[in-house]
Amino acid sequence: MTISALTILVVGIVVVLVFAAAGWAFKTANRLDRLHVRVDLASQALDAALARRAVVARSIGAGLGSEGRELIAAADNAEHADPVDRENAENTVSAALAQVDPATLRSQLVSELADAETRVMIARRFYNDAVRDTLALRNRRLVRWLQLGGTAPRPQYFEIVERPAP
């Protein structure tokens, strides 16, 4: 039995296509892994910014006396909330901070609050951008079919009310 040139050409083309598809899948899986790492790092930065805002909120609440107990309780609840309930707890902190009159605070606390809220806003945007990019790649048809996302959980957006800094 002899192998014709056409058979060799067809087998060669099939081998090249298989290697190209495997290379694409490998490259896409690595990109998806890097995006998941980016989401994790952005999540850690967001947690740190929210923790800093909680510290500032507690400082403000301590300076307000009996009226600040609600703010201190909201900050404590937000820091210890489950990931599922974190958005609602942080919105409660935002609402409590919105009720505080900046004119009654020391200027140092006002600037710390403004800085903390700006950092939360920036960290949330970075996190949501990372989630958007990750979900865009995970939602591609071939990525879903080949299960290139592996066992990593699908990231979720973090939506809280932004208010302008005082």
N, C-alpha and C. Protein backbone atom coordinates (compact mmCIF):
# COMPACT_ATOMS: atom_id res chain seq x y z
N MET A 1 0.84 -1.16 0.00
CA MET A 1 0.00 0.00 0.00
C MET A 1 0.89 1.23 0.00
N THR A 2 0.59 2.11 -0.91
CA THR A 2 1.36 3.34 -1.01
C THR A 2 0.52 4.51 -0.53
N ILE A 3 1.20 5.48 0.05
CA ILE A 3 0.52 6.69 0.53
C ILE A 3 0.71 7.77 -0.51
N SER A 4 -0.39 8.32 -0.93
CA SER A 4 -0.32 9.35 -1.96
C SER A 4 0.03 10.69 -1.35
N ALA A 5 0.42 11.60 -2.20
CA ALA A 5 0.78 12.95 -1.77
C ALA A 5 -0.44 13.67 -1.21
N LEU A 6 -1.61 13.39 -1.78
CA LEU A 6 -2.84 14.02 -1.30
C LEU A 6 -3.15 13.57 0.13
N THR A 7 -2.95 12.30 0.43
CA THR A 7 -3.18 11.77 1.78
C THR A 7 -2.24 12.44 2.78
N ILE A 8 -1.00 12.57 2.42
CA ILE A 8 -0.02 13.21 3.29
C ILE A 8 -0.40 14.67 3.52
N LEU A 9 -0.84 15.34 2.48
CA LEU A 9 -1.26 16.75 2.59
C LEU A 9 -2.46 16.89 3.53
N VAL A 10 -3.45 16.04 3.38
CA VAL A 10 -4.65 16.10 4.23
C VAL A 10 -4.29 15.81 5.68
N VAL A 11 -3.48 14.78 5.91
CA VAL A 11 -3.06 14.45 7.28
C VAL A 11 -2.25 15.61 7.86
N GLY A 12 -1.40 16.20 7.08
CA GLY A 12 -0.60 17.34 7.54
C GLY A 12 -1.47 18.53 7.92
N ILE A 13 -2.47 18.81 7.11
CA ILE A 13 -3.38 19.93 7.40
C ILE A 13 -4.17 19.64 8.68
N VAL A 14 -4.64 18.40 8.83
CA VAL A 14 -5.39 18.05 10.04
C VAL A 14 -4.50 18.19 11.28
N VAL A 15 -3.26 17.74 11.20
CA VAL A 15 -2.33 17.85 12.34
C VAL A 15 -2.08 19.32 12.67
N VAL A 16 -1.87 20.16 11.68
CA VAL A 16 -1.64 21.59 11.91
C VAL A 16 -2.87 22.22 12.55
N LEU A 17 -4.06 21.87 12.09
CA LEU A 17 -5.29 22.42 12.68
C LEU A 17 -5.48 21.98 14.12
N VAL A 18 -5.15 20.72 14.42
CA VAL A 18 -5.27 20.23 15.79
C VAL A 18 -4.28 20.97 16.70
N PHE A 19 -3.04 21.16 16.23
CA PHE A 19 -2.07 21.90 17.04
C PHE A 19 -2.47 23.36 17.21
N ALA A 20 -3.03 23.97 16.17
CA ALA A 20 -3.48 25.37 16.28
C ALA A 20 -4.63 25.49 17.27
N ALA A 21 -5.57 24.56 17.23
CA ALA A 21 -6.69 24.58 18.17
C ALA A 21 -6.21 24.35 19.60
N ALA A 22 -5.29 23.43 19.78
CA ALA A 22 -4.74 23.18 21.12
C ALA A 22 -3.97 24.39 21.63
N GLY A 23 -3.23 25.04 20.75
CA GLY A 23 -2.50 26.26 21.14
C GLY A 23 -3.46 27.38 21.54
N TRP A 24 -4.54 27.54 20.76
CA TRP A 24 -5.53 28.56 21.10
C TRP A 24 -6.18 28.25 22.45
N ALA A 25 -6.54 26.99 22.67
CA ALA A 25 -7.18 26.62 23.93
C ALA A 25 -6.23 26.84 25.10
N PHE A 26 -4.95 26.51 24.94
CA PHE A 26 -3.97 26.71 26.00
C PHE A 26 -3.80 28.19 26.30
N LYS A 27 -3.69 29.00 25.26
CA LYS A 27 -3.53 30.44 25.43
C LYS A 27 -4.75 31.06 26.11
N THR A 28 -5.93 30.63 25.70
CA THR A 28 -7.17 31.16 26.28
C THR A 28 -7.33 30.73 27.74
N ALA A 29 -6.98 29.50 28.05
CA ALA A 29 -7.06 29.03 29.44
C ALA A 29 -6.09 29.80 30.33
N ASN A 30 -4.89 30.09 29.82
CA ASN A 30 -3.94 30.90 30.60
C ASN A 30 -4.45 32.32 30.79
N ARG A 31 -5.03 32.90 29.77
CA ARG A 31 -5.59 34.25 29.88
C ARG A 31 -6.72 34.27 30.91
N LEU A 32 -7.56 33.27 30.87
CA LEU A 32 -8.67 33.19 31.82
C LEU A 32 -8.14 33.02 33.25
N ASP A 33 -7.09 32.25 33.41
CA ASP A 33 -6.49 32.10 34.73
C ASP A 33 -5.93 33.44 35.23
N ARG A 34 -5.26 34.17 34.36
CA ARG A 34 -4.73 35.48 34.75
C ARG A 34 -5.85 36.45 35.11
N LEU A 35 -6.97 36.37 34.40
CA LEU A 35 -8.11 37.24 34.71
C LEU A 35 -8.71 36.88 36.07
N HIS A 36 -8.76 35.60 36.39
CA HIS A 36 -9.27 35.20 37.71
C HIS A 36 -8.33 35.69 38.82
N VAL A 37 -7.04 35.65 38.57
CA VAL A 37 -6.08 36.18 39.55
C VAL A 37 -6.30 37.69 39.70
N ARG A 38 -6.53 38.36 38.59
CA ARG A 38 -6.80 39.82 38.64
C ARG A 38 -8.06 40.12 39.45
N VAL A 39 -9.10 39.31 39.29
CA VAL A 39 -10.33 39.49 40.08
C VAL A 39 -10.03 39.28 41.56
N ASP A 40 -9.25 38.26 41.89
CA ASP A 40 -8.92 38.00 43.29
C ASP A 40 -8.14 39.16 43.90
N LEU A 41 -7.16 39.69 43.17
CA LEU A 41 -6.38 40.81 43.69
C LEU A 41 -7.24 42.06 43.84
N ALA A 42 -8.12 42.30 42.87
CA ALA A 42 -9.01 43.46 42.96
C ALA A 42 -9.99 43.30 44.11
N SER A 43 -10.41 42.08 44.37
CA SER A 43 -11.31 41.82 45.50
C SER A 43 -10.60 42.11 46.82
N GLN A 44 -9.34 41.73 46.92
CA GLN A 44 -8.59 42.01 48.14
C GLN A 44 -8.41 43.52 48.33
N ALA A 45 -8.14 44.24 47.25
CA ALA A 45 -8.00 45.69 47.34
C ALA A 45 -9.31 46.34 47.74
N LEU A 46 -10.41 45.84 47.21
CA LEU A 46 -11.73 46.37 47.58
C LEU A 46 -12.03 46.10 49.05
N ASP A 47 -11.73 44.90 49.52
CA ASP A 47 -11.92 44.59 50.95
C ASP A 47 -11.11 45.52 51.83
N ALA A 48 -9.87 45.80 51.43
CA ALA A 48 -9.02 46.69 52.22
C ALA A 48 -9.59 48.11 52.24
N ALA A 49 -10.08 48.58 51.10
CA ALA A 49 -10.65 49.93 51.04
C ALA A 49 -11.92 50.01 51.88
N LEU A 50 -12.74 48.97 51.84
CA LEU A 50 -13.96 48.97 52.64
C LEU A 50 -13.63 48.89 54.13
N ALA A 51 -12.60 48.14 54.49
CA ALA A 51 -12.19 48.06 55.89
C ALA A 51 -11.68 49.41 56.38
N ARG A 52 -10.96 50.10 55.52
CA ARG A 52 -10.47 51.44 55.91
C ARG A 52 -11.64 52.39 56.09
N ARG A 53 -12.61 52.32 55.22
CA ARG A 53 -13.79 53.19 55.36
C ARG A 53 -14.54 52.86 56.65
N ALA A 54 -14.60 51.58 57.02
CA ALA A 54 -15.26 51.19 58.27
C ALA A 54 -14.53 51.78 59.48
N VAL A 55 -13.20 51.80 59.43
CA VAL A 55 -12.43 52.39 60.52
C VAL A 55 -12.73 53.88 60.64
N VAL A 56 -12.77 54.56 59.50
CA VAL A 56 -13.08 56.00 59.51
C VAL A 56 -14.51 56.22 60.00
N ALA A 57 -15.43 55.36 59.59
CA ALA A 57 -16.83 55.49 60.03
C ALA A 57 -16.92 55.31 61.54
N ARG A 58 -16.16 54.36 62.09
CA ARG A 58 -16.17 54.17 63.54
C ARG A 58 -15.59 55.39 64.26
N SER A 59 -14.55 55.98 63.68
CA SER A 59 -13.96 57.19 64.28
C SER A 59 -14.96 58.34 64.27
N ILE A 60 -15.69 58.46 63.19
CA ILE A 60 -16.71 59.51 63.10
C ILE A 60 -17.82 59.23 64.11
N GLY A 61 -18.25 57.97 64.18
CA GLY A 61 -19.30 57.60 65.12
C GLY A 61 -18.90 57.84 66.56
N ALA A 62 -17.63 57.58 66.88
CA ALA A 62 -17.16 57.80 68.25
C ALA A 62 -17.18 59.29 68.59
N GLY A 63 -16.92 60.13 67.60
CA GLY A 63 -16.93 61.57 67.84
C GLY A 63 -18.32 62.16 67.94
N LEU A 64 -19.33 61.43 67.47
CA LEU A 64 -20.70 61.96 67.49
C LEU A 64 -21.43 61.65 68.79
N GLY A 65 -20.87 60.80 69.60
CA GLY A 65 -21.54 60.47 70.86
C GLY A 65 -22.63 59.44 70.65
N SER A 66 -23.79 59.68 71.29
CA SER A 66 -24.88 58.70 71.24
C SER A 66 -25.47 58.56 69.84
N GLU A 67 -25.42 59.62 69.03
CA GLU A 67 -25.95 59.52 67.66
C GLU A 67 -25.08 58.66 66.76
N GLY A 68 -23.82 58.48 67.15
CA GLY A 68 -22.89 57.72 66.32
C GLY A 68 -22.95 56.23 66.53
N ARG A 69 -23.76 55.77 67.47
CA ARG A 69 -23.84 54.32 67.72
C ARG A 69 -24.35 53.56 66.50
N GLU A 70 -25.30 54.16 65.81
CA GLU A 70 -25.84 53.50 64.60
C GLU A 70 -24.76 53.36 63.54
N LEU A 71 -23.96 54.39 63.38
CA LEU A 71 -22.87 54.36 62.41
C LEU A 71 -21.82 53.31 62.79
N ILE A 72 -21.49 53.24 64.07
CA ILE A 72 -20.51 52.25 64.54
C ILE A 72 -21.06 50.84 64.34
N ALA A 73 -22.33 50.64 64.65
CA ALA A 73 -22.94 49.32 64.47
C ALA A 73 -22.98 48.93 62.99
N ALA A 74 -23.31 49.90 62.12
CA ALA A 74 -23.34 49.61 60.68
C ALA A 74 -21.96 49.24 60.16
N ALA A 75 -20.93 49.95 60.63
CA ALA A 75 -19.56 49.65 60.20
C ALA A 75 -19.14 48.27 60.69
N ASP A 76 -19.50 47.93 61.93
CA ASP A 76 -19.16 46.60 62.45
C ASP A 76 -19.88 45.51 61.67
N ASN A 77 -21.15 45.72 61.39
CA ASN A 77 -21.92 44.73 60.62
C ASN A 77 -21.35 44.55 59.22
N ALA A 78 -20.93 45.65 58.60
CA ALA A 78 -20.38 45.55 57.24
C ALA A 78 -19.07 44.78 57.23
N GLU A 79 -18.24 45.00 58.24
CA GLU A 79 -16.96 44.29 58.27
C GLU A 79 -17.12 42.81 58.51
N HIS A 80 -18.14 42.42 59.25
CA HIS A 80 -18.32 41.01 59.59
C HIS A 80 -19.42 40.33 58.78
N ALA A 81 -19.91 40.99 57.74
CA ALA A 81 -21.00 40.43 56.93
C ALA A 81 -20.48 39.30 56.04
N ASP A 82 -21.39 38.38 55.74
CA ASP A 82 -21.09 37.33 54.78
C ASP A 82 -20.92 37.95 53.40
N PRO A 83 -20.16 37.29 52.52
CA PRO A 83 -19.99 37.85 51.17
C PRO A 83 -21.31 38.10 50.44
N VAL A 84 -22.32 37.29 50.72
CA VAL A 84 -23.61 37.47 50.06
C VAL A 84 -24.30 38.75 50.53
N ASP A 85 -24.16 39.06 51.81
CA ASP A 85 -24.83 40.23 52.40
C ASP A 85 -23.95 41.46 52.44
N ARG A 86 -22.75 41.40 51.92
CA ARG A 86 -21.80 42.50 52.06
C ARG A 86 -22.29 43.77 51.36
N GLU A 87 -22.88 43.63 50.18
CA GLU A 87 -23.34 44.83 49.46
C GLU A 87 -24.37 45.60 50.26
N ASN A 88 -25.36 44.90 50.81
CA ASN A 88 -26.39 45.57 51.60
C ASN A 88 -25.81 46.21 52.85
N ALA A 89 -24.88 45.54 53.49
CA ALA A 89 -24.26 46.09 54.70
C ALA A 89 -23.45 47.34 54.36
N GLU A 90 -22.74 47.32 53.25
CA GLU A 90 -21.96 48.50 52.86
C GLU A 90 -22.88 49.65 52.43
N ASN A 91 -24.01 49.33 51.82
CA ASN A 91 -24.97 50.39 51.49
C ASN A 91 -25.54 51.02 52.75
N THR A 92 -25.70 50.22 53.82
CA THR A 92 -26.16 50.77 55.09
C THR A 92 -25.12 51.73 55.66
N VAL A 93 -23.85 51.38 55.55
CA VAL A 93 -22.78 52.28 56.01
C VAL A 93 -22.80 53.57 55.19
N SER A 94 -22.97 53.44 53.87
CA SER A 94 -23.03 54.63 53.02
C SER A 94 -24.19 55.53 53.40
N ALA A 95 -25.35 54.93 53.67
CA ALA A 95 -26.51 55.72 54.06
C ALA A 95 -26.28 56.41 55.41
N ALA A 96 -25.64 55.70 56.34
CA ALA A 96 -25.37 56.31 57.65
C ALA A 96 -24.34 57.43 57.53
N LEU A 97 -23.35 57.25 56.67
CA LEU A 97 -22.36 58.31 56.46
C LEU A 97 -22.97 59.52 55.76
N ALA A 98 -23.95 59.27 54.91
CA ALA A 98 -24.60 60.38 54.20
C ALA A 98 -25.39 61.26 55.16
N GLN A 99 -25.81 60.71 56.27
CA GLN A 99 -26.60 61.47 57.25
C GLN A 99 -25.73 62.34 58.14
N VAL A 100 -24.42 62.10 58.13
CA VAL A 100 -23.51 62.87 58.98
C VAL A 100 -23.23 64.21 58.31
N ASP A 101 -23.36 65.29 59.09
CA ASP A 101 -23.07 66.63 58.59
C ASP A 101 -21.57 66.87 58.69
N PRO A 102 -20.88 67.07 57.56
CA PRO A 102 -19.43 67.27 57.60
C PRO A 102 -19.02 68.50 58.40
N ALA A 103 -19.91 69.46 58.54
CA ALA A 103 -19.57 70.68 59.28
C ALA A 103 -19.38 70.40 60.77
N THR A 104 -19.95 69.31 61.26
CA THR A 104 -19.82 68.99 62.69
C THR A 104 -18.57 68.17 62.99
N LEU A 105 -17.82 67.80 61.96
CA LEU A 105 -16.64 66.95 62.13
C LEU A 105 -15.36 67.77 62.10
N ARG A 106 -14.32 67.21 62.69
CA ARG A 106 -13.00 67.82 62.58
C ARG A 106 -12.56 67.73 61.12
N SER A 107 -11.76 68.68 60.69
CA SER A 107 -11.34 68.70 59.28
C SER A 107 -10.52 67.47 58.93
N GLN A 108 -9.77 66.93 59.89
CA GLN A 108 -8.99 65.72 59.63
C GLN A 108 -9.90 64.54 59.32
N LEU A 109 -11.00 64.40 60.05
CA LEU A 109 -11.94 63.30 59.78
C LEU A 109 -12.63 63.48 58.44
N VAL A 110 -12.92 64.72 58.08
CA VAL A 110 -13.56 64.98 56.78
C VAL A 110 -12.63 64.57 55.65
N SER A 111 -11.35 64.92 55.78
CA SER A 111 -10.41 64.55 54.71
C SER A 111 -10.17 63.04 54.68
N GLU A 112 -10.12 62.39 55.86
CA GLU A 112 -9.97 60.94 55.89
C GLU A 112 -11.18 60.24 55.28
N LEU A 113 -12.36 60.75 55.56
CA LEU A 113 -13.58 60.17 54.98
C LEU A 113 -13.58 60.34 53.47
N ALA A 114 -13.22 61.52 53.01
CA ALA A 114 -13.18 61.76 51.56
C ALA A 114 -12.18 60.82 50.89
N ASP A 115 -11.01 60.65 51.50
CA ASP A 115 -10.00 59.76 50.95
C ASP A 115 -10.48 58.32 50.95
N ALA A 116 -11.08 57.90 52.07
CA ALA A 116 -11.56 56.51 52.17
C ALA A 116 -12.65 56.23 51.14
N GLU A 117 -13.56 57.16 50.97
CA GLU A 117 -14.65 56.93 50.01
C GLU A 117 -14.13 56.96 48.57
N THR A 118 -13.14 57.79 48.29
CA THR A 118 -12.55 57.81 46.96
C THR A 118 -11.85 56.48 46.67
N ARG A 119 -11.15 55.96 47.67
CA ARG A 119 -10.47 54.68 47.49
C ARG A 119 -11.47 53.53 47.29
N VAL A 120 -12.58 53.58 48.00
CA VAL A 120 -13.62 52.56 47.80
C VAL A 120 -14.17 52.64 46.39
N MET A 121 -14.44 53.85 45.93
CA MET A 121 -15.00 54.02 44.59
C MET A 121 -14.03 53.50 43.52
N ILE A 122 -12.75 53.82 43.66
CA ILE A 122 -11.75 53.37 42.69
C ILE A 122 -11.59 51.86 42.75
N ALA A 123 -11.49 51.31 43.96
CA ALA A 123 -11.31 49.86 44.11
C ALA A 123 -12.51 49.10 43.55
N ARG A 124 -13.72 49.63 43.77
CA ARG A 124 -14.92 48.97 43.24
C ARG A 124 -14.92 48.99 41.72
N ARG A 125 -14.49 50.09 41.14
CA ARG A 125 -14.44 50.17 39.67
C ARG A 125 -13.41 49.21 39.10
N PHE A 126 -12.24 49.12 39.72
CA PHE A 126 -11.23 48.16 39.26
C PHE A 126 -11.76 46.74 39.38
N TYR A 127 -12.40 46.44 40.49
CA TYR A 127 -12.94 45.09 40.69
C TYR A 127 -14.00 44.78 39.64
N ASN A 128 -14.94 45.69 39.43
CA ASN A 128 -16.00 45.44 38.45
C ASN A 128 -15.45 45.36 37.03
N ASP A 129 -14.39 46.11 36.73
CA ASP A 129 -13.76 45.99 35.41
C ASP A 129 -13.13 44.60 35.24
N ALA A 130 -12.49 44.11 36.28
CA ALA A 130 -11.89 42.77 36.21
C ALA A 130 -12.97 41.71 36.06
N VAL A 131 -14.07 41.87 36.78
CA VAL A 131 -15.18 40.91 36.66
C VAL A 131 -15.76 40.95 35.24
N ARG A 132 -15.93 42.15 34.70
CA ARG A 132 -16.48 42.28 33.34
C ARG A 132 -15.59 41.58 32.32
N ASP A 133 -14.28 41.80 32.40
CA ASP A 133 -13.36 41.16 31.46
C ASP A 133 -13.37 39.64 31.60
N THR A 134 -13.42 39.16 32.82
CA THR A 134 -13.42 37.72 33.06
C THR A 134 -14.70 37.08 32.54
N LEU A 135 -15.84 37.71 32.83
CA LEU A 135 -17.11 37.15 32.36
C LEU A 135 -17.23 37.22 30.84
N ALA A 136 -16.66 38.25 30.23
CA ALA A 136 -16.71 38.35 28.77
C ALA A 136 -15.98 37.17 28.12
N LEU A 137 -14.84 36.80 28.69
CA LEU A 137 -14.10 35.66 28.13
C LEU A 137 -14.78 34.34 28.48
N ARG A 138 -15.28 34.23 29.71
CA ARG A 138 -15.94 32.98 30.12
C ARG A 138 -17.23 32.71 29.35
N ASN A 139 -17.89 33.76 28.87
CA ASN A 139 -19.16 33.59 28.18
C ASN A 139 -19.02 33.27 26.69
N ARG A 140 -17.81 33.22 26.18
CA ARG A 140 -17.62 32.83 24.78
C ARG A 140 -18.00 31.36 24.61
N ARG A 141 -18.58 31.06 23.47
CA ARG A 141 -19.14 29.73 23.24
C ARG A 141 -18.09 28.63 23.35
N LEU A 142 -16.95 28.77 22.67
CA LEU A 142 -15.93 27.73 22.70
C LEU A 142 -15.32 27.57 24.10
N VAL A 143 -15.20 28.67 24.82
CA VAL A 143 -14.66 28.59 26.18
C VAL A 143 -15.61 27.80 27.07
N ARG A 144 -16.90 28.01 26.90
CA ARG A 144 -17.89 27.25 27.67
C ARG A 144 -17.88 25.78 27.26
N TRP A 145 -17.87 25.51 25.96
CA TRP A 145 -17.91 24.14 25.48
C TRP A 145 -16.70 23.34 25.94
N LEU A 146 -15.52 23.95 25.88
CA LEU A 146 -14.30 23.26 26.27
C LEU A 146 -14.04 23.36 27.78
N GLN A 147 -14.90 24.05 28.49
CA GLN A 147 -14.80 24.24 29.95
C GLN A 147 -13.42 24.73 30.34
N LEU A 148 -12.98 25.79 29.67
CA LEU A 148 -11.66 26.33 29.95
C LEU A 148 -11.62 27.13 31.25
N GLY A 149 -12.80 27.44 31.80
CA GLY A 149 -12.86 28.15 33.07
C GLY A 149 -12.49 27.27 34.24
N GLY A 150 -12.44 25.98 34.01
CA GLY A 150 -12.08 25.05 35.07
C GLY A 150 -13.11 25.05 36.19
N THR A 151 -12.62 24.95 37.41
CA THR A 151 -13.51 24.89 38.57
C THR A 151 -13.64 26.22 39.28
N ALA A 152 -13.05 27.26 38.72
CA ALA A 152 -13.11 28.58 39.36
C ALA A 152 -14.56 29.08 39.36
N PRO A 153 -15.00 29.64 40.48
CA PRO A 153 -16.37 30.16 40.52
C PRO A 153 -16.49 31.40 39.64
N ARG A 154 -17.69 31.60 39.14
CA ARG A 154 -17.93 32.79 38.32
C ARG A 154 -17.90 34.02 39.22
N PRO A 155 -17.11 35.03 38.87
CA PRO A 155 -17.08 36.23 39.70
C PRO A 155 -18.38 37.01 39.58
N GLN A 156 -18.72 37.72 40.65
CA GLN A 156 -19.94 38.51 40.70
C GLN A 156 -19.58 39.99 40.85
N TYR A 157 -20.36 40.85 40.24
CA TYR A 157 -20.16 42.28 40.38
C TYR A 157 -20.42 42.71 41.82
N PHE A 158 -19.79 43.80 42.24
CA PHE A 158 -20.01 44.37 43.57
C PHE A 158 -20.60 45.75 43.37
N GLU A 159 -21.86 45.90 43.67
CA GLU A 159 -22.56 47.16 43.45
C GLU A 159 -22.97 47.79 44.77
N ILE A 160 -22.39 48.94 45.05
CA ILE A 160 -22.82 49.73 46.20
C ILE A 160 -23.07 51.15 45.72
N VAL A 161 -23.81 51.88 46.52
CA VAL A 161 -24.16 53.25 46.19
C VAL A 161 -22.92 54.11 46.39
N GLU A 162 -22.58 54.86 45.38
CA GLU A 162 -21.47 55.81 45.51
C GLU A 162 -22.04 57.17 45.82
N ARG A 163 -21.41 57.83 46.74
CA ARG A 163 -21.83 59.20 47.02
C ARG A 163 -20.61 60.06 46.90
N PRO A 164 -20.78 61.29 46.47
CA PRO A 164 -19.61 62.15 46.35
C PRO A 164 -19.02 62.44 47.72
N ALA A 165 -17.71 62.53 47.76
CA ALA A 165 -17.02 62.79 49.02
C ALA A 165 -17.36 64.21 49.48
N PRO A 166 -17.44 64.42 50.79
CA PRO A 166 -17.77 65.77 51.29
C PRO A 166 -16.68 66.77 51.01
